Amino acid sequence: MLKRQDIKLNSSGKTSCLLLLLLTFLLINPITTSASALETEDPTDDNSEPATQADMNESRIEISFTPTEVSGEMTPTTEAGLKKQLEATATITIQNAEDYTIYIGAKTTGLVGVNSGETIESIKSATTYEDLAANSWGIYYGEGTSVPANATYLPAETSRGTQIEAGGRTTTTLTKTYVLSFAANINNRIPADTYQNQITLSVVSSPLEITNDFGIATMQEMTSTVCDSATDLDNDGEISAQLEDVRDGKYYWVGKLADGKCWMTQNLDLDLSTSKTLTSADTDVSSNWTPGFTTFTTADASTVNSDSQIETRSWSLGNYRLTDPTTSASCGYPLNGASQCPGSNATSGLTANRFTAYTTPTTQNGDVSAHYILGNHYAWNAAAAGTGGSITSDQATNSICPKGWRLPTSNTGGEFETLVNKLGGTSSTDNVTKAPFYGVRGGFVDQSTNLLFEDAGDQGRYWSSTPAPSDTANSAYALRFGGTSTVNPSGASADRSVGYPVRCIAR
């Protein structure tokens, strides 16, 4: 017997949802006349309708009990009483909430006899099942599906009741499962009757308000429909937004560009780990993939010097962003990371640092300078989540991009070439380093110990999913730019083991 309400937004800006569980103890007392079993009324509000599956972009709360009512029969024979426990499982689903609070409450503090009006009062303070006093009852709740042996039962509270849990922002679907136990100890002095109560589980939440151009909050929510429907809501001349990658909580700028496709307009900054398997739940992989290397934090002889085309190395060379994106001024080589820019072989006359300290945002901070974050560098097979290897045709099928995204295609007619032509062509690096693509002159990690991290501040490279043809089986295509007028959307890398940044395109 339950009552389910649609999600409603009240004047305080809160979303609420509740569900009722019918609790019944049928007491058959041998010293009084036995009562008949309760014939219950369905308390469903005729004016309410079952909650439906909300759109994935909307705030949604769902609650369910299993079973929807609990009942038990007791025949106490002594003044010490007879104890009984009734159990149910509650499942709560919360989606797109700024915050949430879960409560459990009762219609009355006592179990009330249907015929006699007699009341079995709630306990007054926390107690164990073993210590439950005669003619009293209590409630236990806990996350999980089983009641622990040492469970502590609490008094029943009316109205909204006792707070079970409170949480902060959730942009994906959060599912919580609780086991509920109702324990009573009743002796032979209580008249036979059906004693009942209604237990209310409720969630109060502030709906997540999403007002960006894409109408989504996370990278993983991107679909072709979302991209096609995106519009310039804030009339700033760009269709763009900062979206969260749920894998690590980092935020990335994305944009719908002149080719009609949605691109990351900020470098991927995902750290890989041999102890962290990437799955299709949040990553662009068709089956689970575990990297062969944990992301290195320096470029040196111990982390490079690999000629293997199938290794999955990656490098995080510092939390920095490029300070002057359109100027070509190389930091030189060999460097171990961005903190050493400029180096001894830097562009003649370069004295100022090309990069400034900047950590990838973990909030939607609206800072446009985040477009020029250095991000991580990945060997091609790492960027392809192990599906690059030594292939010489078709495309790498998987990637380390978020779910709903992938590596762009390259070579003649590829997506890099199409985009560059739409942005103004190959005659000026300004076409790719300025808005709306915001290409970063982030250099690359060479496998030679004489070079290491090189040409940051001048060269920009981005891996595609496209392998080079069979006569250059050790290569893969990439977008490459440098200087003031060199833009090559179909540049074949000298070596798949070289570390390049990654920009993903929506599927």
Protein backbone atom coordinates (compact mmCIF):
# COMPACT_ATOMS: atom_id res chain seq x y z
CA MET A 1 0.00 0.00 0.00
CA LEU A 2 1.79 3.07 -1.13
CA LYS A 3 1.36 6.58 -2.26
CA ARG A 4 3.64 7.97 -4.91
CA GLN A 5 3.83 11.62 -5.82
CA ASP A 6 5.15 13.30 -8.90
CA ILE A 7 8.20 15.45 -8.37
CA LYS A 8 7.06 18.95 -7.52
CA LEU A 9 8.90 22.25 -7.35
CA ASN A 10 7.61 24.36 -4.49
CA SER A 11 8.08 28.03 -3.73
CA SER A 12 11.34 27.43 -1.89
CA GLY A 13 12.91 25.95 -4.98
CA LYS A 14 13.01 22.42 -3.60
CA THR A 15 12.05 19.19 -5.29
CA SER A 16 10.36 16.63 -3.03
CA CYS A 17 9.32 13.03 -3.43
CA LEU A 18 7.86 10.59 -0.90
CA LEU A 19 6.70 7.01 -0.59
CA LEU A 20 4.61 5.36 2.13
CA LEU A 21 5.11 1.87 3.56
CA LEU A 22 2.25 0.21 5.48
CA LEU A 23 3.48 -1.39 8.73
CA THR A 24 1.19 -3.92 10.45
CA PHE A 25 1.54 -6.11 13.52
CA LEU A 26 -1.39 -8.53 13.92
CA LEU A 27 -1.63 -9.35 17.62
CA ILE A 28 -3.52 -12.51 18.67
CA ASN A 29 -3.66 -12.55 22.47
CA PRO A 30 -4.86 -15.76 24.08
CA ILE A 31 -6.52 -13.96 27.04
CA THR A 32 -8.71 -11.73 24.90
CA THR A 33 -10.90 -12.16 21.87
CA SER A 34 -8.88 -12.50 18.66
CA ALA A 35 -9.18 -9.64 16.17
CA SER A 36 -9.65 -10.20 12.46
CA ALA A 37 -6.93 -9.26 10.03
CA LEU A 38 -7.00 -5.67 8.84
CA GLU A 39 -8.65 -4.93 5.53
CA THR A 40 -6.63 -1.98 4.37
CA GLU A 41 -7.63 0.88 2.15
CA ASP A 42 -5.41 1.90 -0.72
CA PRO A 43 -4.18 5.35 0.35
CA THR A 44 -3.26 6.33 -3.19
CA ASP A 45 -4.25 9.89 -3.94
CA ASP A 46 -6.70 9.80 -6.85
CA ASN A 47 -5.24 13.07 -8.09
CA SER A 48 -1.66 11.81 -8.22
CA GLU A 49 0.03 9.81 -10.94
CA PRO A 50 3.00 7.49 -10.79
CA ALA A 51 6.29 9.25 -11.38
CA THR A 52 7.58 8.65 -14.88
CA GLN A 53 11.12 8.35 -16.21
CA ALA A 54 12.32 11.94 -16.43
CA ASP A 55 14.42 13.17 -19.25
CA MET A 56 18.09 12.48 -18.54
CA ASN A 57 18.79 16.21 -18.42
CA GLU A 58 16.15 16.91 -15.77
CA SER A 59 16.20 16.53 -12.01
CA ARG A 60 14.62 13.22 -11.03
CA ILE A 61 13.85 11.42 -7.78
CA GLU A 62 12.42 7.91 -7.52
CA ILE A 63 11.72 5.84 -4.38
CA SER A 64 10.58 2.24 -4.10
CA PHE A 65 9.96 -0.21 -1.25
CA THR A 66 10.34 -3.98 -1.44
CA PRO A 67 7.89 -5.15 -0.25
CA THR A 68 5.44 -2.26 -0.27
CA GLU A 69 3.92 -3.39 3.03
CA VAL A 70 5.24 -5.49 5.91
CA SER A 71 3.16 -7.41 8.44
CA GLY A 72 3.63 -10.05 11.07
CA GLU A 73 1.52 -12.09 13.47
CA MET A 74 2.32 -12.36 17.19
CA THR A 75 0.85 -14.38 20.06
CA PRO A 76 2.47 -13.15 23.29
CA THR A 77 1.90 -15.29 26.40
CA THR A 78 3.99 -13.63 29.11
CA GLU A 79 4.49 -10.23 30.70
CA ALA A 80 8.08 -10.23 29.42
CA GLY A 81 6.62 -10.07 25.94
CA LEU A 82 7.32 -11.48 22.50
CA LYS A 83 9.68 -9.78 20.04
CA LYS A 84 9.39 -9.61 16.29
CA GLN A 85 11.23 -7.87 13.45
CA LEU A 86 9.78 -6.86 10.09
CA GLU A 87 12.09 -5.86 7.24
CA ALA A 88 11.87 -3.98 3.94
CA THR A 89 14.35 -2.61 1.42
CA ALA A 90 14.16 0.96 0.12
CA THR A 91 15.79 2.04 -3.14
CA ILE A 92 16.26 5.74 -3.87
CA THR A 93 17.37 7.16 -7.21
CA ILE A 94 18.51 10.79 -7.44
CA GLN A 95 19.58 12.46 -10.66
CA ASN A 96 20.80 15.97 -11.40
CA ALA A 97 20.50 17.47 -7.93
CA GLU A 98 22.30 20.41 -6.39
CA ASP A 99 21.84 18.75 -3.00
CA TYR A 100 19.58 16.19 -1.35
CA THR A 101 18.38 15.10 2.09
CA ILE A 102 16.72 11.76 2.87
CA TYR A 103 14.27 11.40 5.78
CA ILE A 104 12.32 8.60 7.41
CA GLY A 105 9.23 9.35 9.48
CA ALA A 106 6.01 7.81 10.81
CA LYS A 107 2.36 8.88 10.71
CA THR A 108 2.20 8.59 14.52
CA THR A 109 4.75 7.71 17.15
CA GLY A 110 2.76 4.63 18.17
CA LEU A 111 1.38 1.49 16.59
CA VAL A 112 -2.36 2.07 16.81
CA GLY A 113 -4.95 -0.70 17.15
CA VAL A 114 -7.52 -0.60 14.39
CA ASN A 115 -10.41 -1.81 16.56
CA SER A 116 -9.36 -0.98 20.13
CA GLY A 117 -7.55 2.30 19.58
CA GLU A 118 -4.90 0.98 21.95
CA THR A 119 -1.38 2.31 21.28
CA ILE A 120 1.97 0.55 21.47
CA GLU A 121 4.31 3.45 22.05
CA SER A 122 7.63 4.05 20.35
CA ILE A 123 10.82 3.64 22.34
CA LYS A 124 12.11 6.90 23.85
CA SER A 125 15.81 6.42 23.15
CA ALA A 126 18.11 4.26 21.04
CA THR A 127 18.20 0.60 22.03
CA THR A 128 19.18 -2.80 20.71
CA TYR A 129 16.73 -5.51 19.73
CA GLU A 130 17.71 -7.55 22.79
CA ASP A 131 17.01 -4.63 25.15
CA LEU A 132 13.67 -3.66 23.61
CA ALA A 133 11.22 -3.05 26.49
CA ALA A 134 7.82 -4.71 26.61
CA ASN A 135 5.03 -2.89 24.75
CA SER A 136 7.35 -0.71 22.66
CA TRP A 137 8.65 -0.58 19.12
CA GLY A 138 11.46 1.11 17.15
CA ILE A 139 12.96 1.68 13.71
CA TYR A 140 16.37 0.73 12.29
CA TYR A 141 17.74 1.99 8.98
CA GLY A 142 21.12 1.40 7.38
CA GLU A 143 22.71 1.42 3.96
CA GLY A 144 22.81 -2.04 2.40
CA THR A 145 20.43 -4.97 2.27
CA SER A 146 20.84 -6.74 5.63
CA VAL A 147 20.28 -5.77 9.27
CA PRO A 148 23.46 -6.14 11.36
CA ALA A 149 23.38 -8.28 14.48
CA ASN A 150 24.14 -5.25 16.67
CA ALA A 151 21.58 -2.95 15.02
CA THR A 152 20.45 0.05 17.07
CA TYR A 153 16.74 0.86 16.92
CA LEU A 154 15.60 4.47 17.14
CA PRO A 155 12.41 6.21 18.25
CA ALA A 156 9.75 6.93 15.64
CA GLU A 157 9.48 10.59 14.68
CA THR A 158 6.44 12.10 13.03
CA SER A 159 6.11 14.57 10.17
CA ARG A 160 9.25 14.56 8.00
CA GLY A 161 11.01 12.44 10.59
CA THR A 162 14.67 11.58 11.12
CA GLN A 163 17.37 12.62 8.66
CA ILE A 164 19.01 9.52 7.20
CA GLU A 165 21.52 11.18 4.91
CA ALA A 166 22.40 14.46 3.21
CA GLY A 167 24.56 14.91 0.14
CA GLY A 168 25.86 17.50 -2.27
CA ARG A 169 25.72 17.94 -6.01
CA THR A 170 25.14 14.90 -8.19
CA THR A 171 25.13 15.31 -11.96
CA THR A 172 24.71 11.62 -12.76
CA THR A 173 22.33 8.98 -11.44
CA LEU A 174 22.92 8.20 -7.76
CA THR A 175 21.26 5.06 -6.39
CA LYS A 176 21.07 4.40 -2.65
CA THR A 177 19.76 1.19 -1.07
CA TYR A 178 18.67 1.02 2.58
CA VAL A 179 17.42 -1.83 4.69
CA LEU A 180 14.64 -0.89 7.11
CA SER A 181 13.74 -2.94 10.17
CA PHE A 182 10.77 -2.45 12.49
CA ALA A 183 11.01 -4.25 15.82
CA ALA A 184 8.30 -4.63 18.45
CA ASN A 185 8.14 -6.27 21.87
CA ILE A 186 4.52 -6.88 23.01
CA ASN A 187 3.29 -8.71 26.12
CA ASN A 188 0.01 -10.44 26.98
CA ARG A 189 -1.55 -7.36 28.58
CA ILE A 190 -2.19 -5.66 25.23
CA PRO A 191 -5.58 -6.49 23.68
CA ALA A 192 -5.70 -8.54 20.52
CA ASP A 193 -5.97 -6.26 17.50
CA THR A 194 -4.25 -5.22 14.29
CA TYR A 195 -1.70 -2.51 15.15
CA GLN A 196 -0.50 -0.38 12.29
CA ASN A 197 1.46 2.67 11.24
CA GLN A 198 2.56 4.27 8.00
CA ILE A 199 6.25 4.85 7.42
CA THR A 200 7.24 7.70 5.11
CA LEU A 201 10.53 7.82 3.24
CA SER A 202 11.11 11.20 1.63
CA VAL A 203 13.77 13.04 -0.33
CA VAL A 204 14.06 16.82 -0.45
CA SER A 205 16.36 18.21 -3.12
CA SER A 206 17.27 21.37 -4.99
CA PRO A 207 17.03 20.63 -8.72
CA LEU A 208 20.23 21.01 -10.71
CA GLU A 209 19.81 24.01 -12.95
CA ILE A 210 21.61 23.59 -16.26
CA THR A 211 21.56 26.68 -18.43
CA ASN A 212 24.56 26.24 -20.73
CA ASP A 213 24.40 26.02 -24.51
CA PHE A 214 24.26 22.21 -24.49
CA GLY A 215 21.79 21.67 -21.66
CA ILE A 216 23.96 19.00 -20.03
CA ALA A 217 26.34 18.99 -17.08
CA THR A 218 28.83 16.22 -17.88
CA MET A 219 31.00 15.13 -20.78
CA GLN A 220 29.42 11.68 -20.61
CA GLU A 221 25.94 13.06 -21.38
CA MET A 222 26.98 14.22 -24.86
CA THR A 223 25.09 12.63 -27.75
CA SER A 224 24.58 13.51 -31.41
CA THR A 225 21.13 14.83 -30.50
CA VAL A 226 22.58 17.09 -27.79
CA CYS A 227 25.20 18.42 -30.19
CA ASP A 228 22.71 19.01 -33.01
CA SER A 229 20.35 20.85 -30.66
CA ALA A 230 22.97 23.14 -29.07
CA THR A 231 22.40 26.87 -29.52
CA ASP A 232 24.12 30.07 -28.42
CA LEU A 233 21.92 30.74 -25.40
CA ASP A 234 24.11 33.48 -23.93
CA ASN A 235 24.63 35.20 -27.29
CA ASP A 236 28.40 35.40 -26.84
CA GLY A 237 29.14 34.34 -30.40
CA GLU A 238 30.19 30.80 -29.45
CA ILE A 239 28.25 27.64 -28.71
CA SER A 240 30.31 26.48 -25.77
CA ALA A 241 30.20 25.22 -22.19
CA GLN A 242 32.31 23.77 -19.42
CA LEU A 243 31.36 20.14 -18.76
CA GLU A 244 32.50 17.78 -16.03
CA ASP A 245 34.32 14.53 -16.80
CA VAL A 246 32.82 12.25 -14.15
CA ARG A 247 35.93 10.04 -14.16
CA ASP A 248 38.00 12.54 -12.19
CA GLY A 249 35.80 15.60 -11.67
CA LYS A 250 37.77 17.84 -14.06
CA TYR A 251 35.94 20.40 -16.22
CA TYR A 252 36.59 20.92 -19.92
CA TRP A 253 35.57 23.56 -22.39
CA VAL A 254 33.68 22.13 -25.35
CA GLY A 255 32.23 23.89 -28.38
CA LYS A 256 30.11 23.36 -31.45
CA LEU A 257 32.40 24.56 -34.23
CA ALA A 258 32.08 25.66 -37.84
CA ASP A 259 31.99 22.08 -39.16
CA GLY A 260 28.77 21.50 -37.19
CA LYS A 261 30.49 19.03 -34.85
CA CYS A 262 31.14 19.28 -31.14
CA TRP A 263 34.79 19.34 -30.06
CA MET A 264 36.77 19.57 -26.87
CA THR A 265 38.36 23.02 -27.04
CA GLN A 266 40.71 22.21 -24.16
CA ASN A 267 43.35 19.48 -23.87
CA LEU A 268 42.46 16.23 -22.16
CA ASP A 269 44.06 15.98 -18.70
CA LEU A 270 43.14 12.42 -17.72
CA ASP A 271 45.78 10.60 -15.68
CA LEU A 272 46.04 6.89 -16.47
CA SER A 273 46.84 4.22 -13.92
CA THR A 274 47.64 0.53 -13.97
CA SER A 275 45.29 0.18 -11.01
CA LYS A 276 42.37 1.97 -12.69
CA THR A 277 40.47 0.08 -15.38
CA LEU A 278 38.58 2.23 -17.89
CA THR A 279 35.09 0.94 -18.67
CA SER A 280 32.35 1.68 -21.16
CA ALA A 281 30.28 3.22 -18.36
CA ASP A 282 32.20 6.50 -18.65
CA THR A 283 34.93 6.00 -21.30
CA ASP A 284 35.02 5.52 -25.08
CA VAL A 285 35.84 1.81 -24.89
CA SER A 286 33.80 -1.18 -26.01
CA SER A 287 35.34 -3.43 -23.34
CA ASN A 288 37.33 -2.86 -20.17
CA TRP A 289 40.87 -1.59 -20.69
CA THR A 290 43.67 -1.24 -18.14
CA PRO A 291 46.67 0.93 -19.13
CA GLY A 292 50.09 -0.71 -19.18
CA PHE A 293 51.68 2.33 -17.53
CA THR A 294 50.67 4.84 -14.89
CA THR A 295 50.99 8.42 -16.17
CA PHE A 296 54.55 9.69 -15.66
CA THR A 297 55.14 13.11 -14.08
CA THR A 298 58.45 13.81 -15.82
CA ALA A 299 60.07 13.24 -19.19
CA ASP A 300 63.46 11.65 -18.58
CA ALA A 301 65.50 8.58 -19.47
CA SER A 302 63.37 6.38 -17.22
CA THR A 303 60.06 7.35 -18.82
CA VAL A 304 60.98 7.67 -22.51
CA ASN A 305 63.53 5.91 -24.75
CA SER A 306 60.91 3.49 -26.02
CA ASP A 307 60.60 2.60 -29.69
CA SER A 308 57.63 0.33 -29.11
CA GLN A 309 54.58 1.23 -31.21
CA ILE A 310 52.19 -0.63 -28.95
CA GLU A 311 53.17 0.73 -25.52
CA THR A 312 50.66 2.90 -23.70
CA ARG A 313 52.83 5.52 -22.01
CA SER A 314 51.55 8.95 -21.01
CA TRP A 315 53.03 12.04 -19.35
CA SER A 316 51.68 14.79 -17.10
CA LEU A 317 54.35 17.45 -17.28
CA GLY A 318 52.92 20.02 -14.90
CA ASN A 319 49.76 21.97 -14.19
CA TYR A 320 50.24 24.89 -16.56
CA ARG A 321 48.57 26.87 -19.32
CA LEU A 322 50.08 28.72 -22.26
CA THR A 323 50.20 32.46 -21.61
CA ASP A 324 50.52 33.81 -25.18
CA PRO A 325 48.78 31.29 -27.45
CA THR A 326 49.25 32.96 -30.83
CA THR A 327 52.96 33.79 -30.51
CA SER A 328 55.49 31.23 -31.75
CA ALA A 329 58.43 30.98 -29.31
CA SER A 330 59.83 27.55 -28.55
CA CYS A 331 61.00 26.58 -25.08
CA GLY A 332 63.61 24.38 -26.75
CA TYR A 333 64.84 21.00 -25.52
CA PRO A 334 65.60 18.76 -23.70
CA LEU A 335 63.10 19.55 -20.96
CA ASN A 336 61.66 17.36 -18.23
CA GLY A 337 58.49 19.40 -17.92
CA ALA A 338 56.76 22.73 -18.46
CA SER A 339 58.32 24.25 -15.34
CA GLN A 340 61.69 24.39 -17.16
CA CYS A 341 60.42 26.55 -20.01
CA PRO A 342 62.40 28.29 -21.44
CA GLY A 343 65.31 25.87 -21.63
CA SER A 344 68.90 26.23 -22.77
CA ASN A 345 67.91 25.64 -26.40
CA ALA A 346 64.95 28.01 -26.32
CA THR A 347 64.15 30.38 -29.15
CA SER A 348 66.81 33.08 -29.27
CA GLY A 349 65.92 35.92 -26.94
CA LEU A 350 63.17 34.01 -25.14
CA THR A 351 63.54 34.79 -21.44
CA ALA A 352 60.00 34.87 -20.06
CA ASN A 353 58.17 31.67 -19.17
CA ARG A 354 55.74 30.57 -21.86
CA PHE A 355 53.53 28.86 -19.29
CA THR A 356 51.93 29.90 -16.02
CA ALA A 357 50.79 27.62 -13.21
CA TYR A 358 47.19 26.57 -13.71
CA THR A 359 45.33 23.49 -12.52
CA THR A 360 42.53 21.99 -14.58
CA PRO A 361 39.31 23.29 -12.97
CA THR A 362 37.20 21.03 -10.81
CA THR A 363 34.36 23.54 -10.85
CA GLN A 364 32.51 25.32 -13.61
CA ASN A 365 34.52 28.53 -13.14
CA GLY A 366 33.86 30.17 -16.53
CA ASP A 367 37.55 31.02 -17.02
CA VAL A 368 38.23 31.16 -20.76
CA SER A 369 41.98 30.95 -20.18
CA ALA A 370 41.43 27.28 -19.27
CA HIS A 371 41.18 26.65 -23.03
CA TYR A 372 44.99 26.84 -23.11
CA ILE A 373 45.76 24.27 -20.40
CA LEU A 374 48.71 22.06 -21.32
CA GLY A 375 46.97 18.83 -20.34
CA ASN A 376 48.63 15.43 -20.69
CA HIS A 377 50.67 13.86 -23.49
CA TYR A 378 49.90 10.33 -24.68
CA ALA A 379 51.54 7.78 -26.93
CA TRP A 380 49.19 6.92 -29.80
CA ASN A 381 48.20 3.50 -28.48
CA ALA A 382 47.50 5.03 -25.06
CA ALA A 383 45.25 7.66 -26.68
CA ALA A 384 43.54 4.83 -28.55
CA ALA A 385 43.02 2.83 -25.35
CA GLY A 386 45.07 -0.05 -26.70
CA THR A 387 43.28 -0.35 -30.08
CA GLY A 388 45.98 1.43 -32.10
CA GLY A 389 48.91 -0.94 -31.81
CA SER A 390 50.34 -1.80 -35.23
CA ILE A 391 47.17 -1.37 -37.32
CA THR A 392 47.70 0.19 -40.77
CA SER A 393 44.12 0.72 -41.99
CA ASP A 394 40.64 1.72 -40.82
CA GLN A 395 40.58 3.57 -37.47
CA ALA A 396 41.53 2.88 -33.87
CA THR A 397 38.15 1.86 -32.51
CA ASN A 398 38.47 2.97 -28.88
CA SER A 399 39.97 5.92 -27.05
CA ILE A 400 40.59 7.42 -23.62
CA CYS A 401 38.02 10.12 -24.42
CA PRO A 402 34.95 10.34 -22.19
CA LYS A 403 31.95 8.23 -23.10
CA GLY A 404 30.13 9.89 -26.00
CA TRP A 405 33.42 11.21 -27.45
CA ARG A 406 36.23 9.76 -29.59
CA LEU A 407 39.47 10.63 -31.37
CA PRO A 408 38.97 12.67 -34.59
CA THR A 409 39.84 11.18 -37.98
CA SER A 410 42.68 12.53 -40.09
CA ASN A 411 44.32 12.18 -43.52
CA THR A 412 42.65 13.55 -46.66
CA GLY A 413 39.00 14.27 -46.03
CA GLY A 414 39.34 13.58 -42.32
CA GLU A 415 37.68 15.57 -39.57
CA PHE A 416 40.81 17.57 -38.75
CA GLU A 417 41.10 18.68 -42.38
CA THR A 418 37.42 19.56 -42.62
CA LEU A 419 37.59 21.60 -39.44
CA VAL A 420 40.77 23.47 -40.41
CA ASN A 421 39.25 24.42 -43.76
CA LYS A 422 36.11 25.69 -42.01
CA LEU A 423 38.26 27.73 -39.61
CA GLY A 424 40.04 29.54 -42.44
CA GLY A 425 42.51 27.07 -43.88
CA THR A 426 46.18 26.21 -43.44
CA SER A 427 47.79 29.57 -44.23
CA SER A 428 47.89 30.89 -40.65
CA THR A 429 48.27 29.23 -37.27
CA ASP A 430 45.90 31.90 -35.90
CA ASN A 431 43.09 29.88 -37.47
CA VAL A 432 43.67 27.04 -35.00
CA THR A 433 45.27 28.79 -32.00
CA LYS A 434 42.58 31.43 -31.54
CA ALA A 435 38.89 30.98 -30.75
CA PRO A 436 36.93 28.88 -31.28
CA PHE A 437 39.38 25.91 -31.40
CA TYR A 438 42.00 27.35 -29.00
CA GLY A 439 44.80 25.04 -30.15
CA VAL A 440 47.65 24.82 -27.62
CA ARG A 441 51.32 25.00 -28.61
CA GLY A 442 51.98 22.26 -26.08
CA GLY A 443 55.00 20.60 -27.67
CA PHE A 444 55.49 16.84 -27.54
CA VAL A 445 57.41 14.11 -25.73
CA ASP A 446 60.12 12.59 -27.93
CA GLN A 447 61.54 9.15 -27.22
CA SER A 448 65.13 10.37 -27.57
CA THR A 449 66.88 11.29 -24.32
CA ASN A 450 68.54 14.12 -26.25
CA LEU A 451 65.15 15.72 -26.87
CA LEU A 452 62.62 14.61 -24.21
CA PHE A 453 59.89 17.27 -23.84
CA GLU A 454 60.52 19.65 -26.75
CA ASP A 455 59.21 22.62 -28.74
CA ALA A 456 56.54 23.64 -26.24
CA GLY A 457 55.50 27.23 -26.92
CA ASP A 458 55.78 26.73 -30.68
CA GLN A 459 54.57 23.34 -31.89
CA GLY A 460 51.06 22.01 -31.40
CA ARG A 461 50.19 18.35 -32.06
CA TYR A 462 46.96 16.36 -31.64
CA TRP A 463 46.49 12.64 -32.22
CA SER A 464 43.80 11.30 -34.55
CA SER A 465 42.33 7.80 -34.69
CA THR A 466 43.85 7.24 -38.14
CA PRO A 467 46.93 5.01 -38.65
CA ALA A 468 49.43 5.78 -41.39
CA PRO A 469 49.41 3.48 -44.43
CA SER A 470 51.34 0.21 -44.55
CA ASP A 471 54.57 1.70 -45.91
CA THR A 472 54.91 3.76 -42.71
CA ALA A 473 53.44 1.26 -40.24
CA ASN A 474 55.10 2.96 -37.27
CA SER A 475 53.21 6.20 -37.81
CA ALA A 476 49.77 7.68 -37.23
CA TYR A 477 48.14 10.86 -38.43
CA ALA A 478 47.81 14.02 -36.36
CA LEU A 479 46.93 17.69 -36.59
CA ARG A 480 50.24 19.60 -36.48
CA PHE A 481 50.89 23.34 -36.40
CA GLY A 482 53.78 25.65 -35.55
CA GLY A 483 55.40 28.97 -36.34
CA THR A 484 52.98 31.46 -37.81
CA SER A 485 51.88 29.76 -41.03
CA THR A 486 52.35 25.99 -40.73
CA VAL A 487 49.15 24.04 -40.28
CA ASN A 488 49.02 20.41 -41.39
CA PRO A 489 45.77 18.58 -40.54
CA SER A 490 47.16 15.29 -41.93
CA GLY A 491 50.69 15.15 -40.58
CA ALA A 492 52.09 11.64 -40.09
CA SER A 493 53.95 11.32 -36.79
CA ALA A 494 57.53 10.09 -36.93
CA ASP A 495 56.70 7.53 -34.25
CA ARG A 496 53.53 6.28 -32.57
CA SER A 497 55.42 6.15 -29.29
CA VAL A 498 55.78 9.96 -29.24
CA GLY A 499 53.59 11.75 -26.70
CA TYR A 500 50.97 14.12 -28.15
CA PRO A 501 48.00 15.89 -26.49
CA VAL A 502 44.41 14.80 -27.22
CA ARG A 503 41.33 16.69 -28.32
CA CYS A 504 38.15 14.60 -28.57
CA ILE A 505 35.19 14.99 -30.91
CA ALA A 506 31.63 14.03 -30.01
CA ARG A 507 30.28 10.81 -31.46
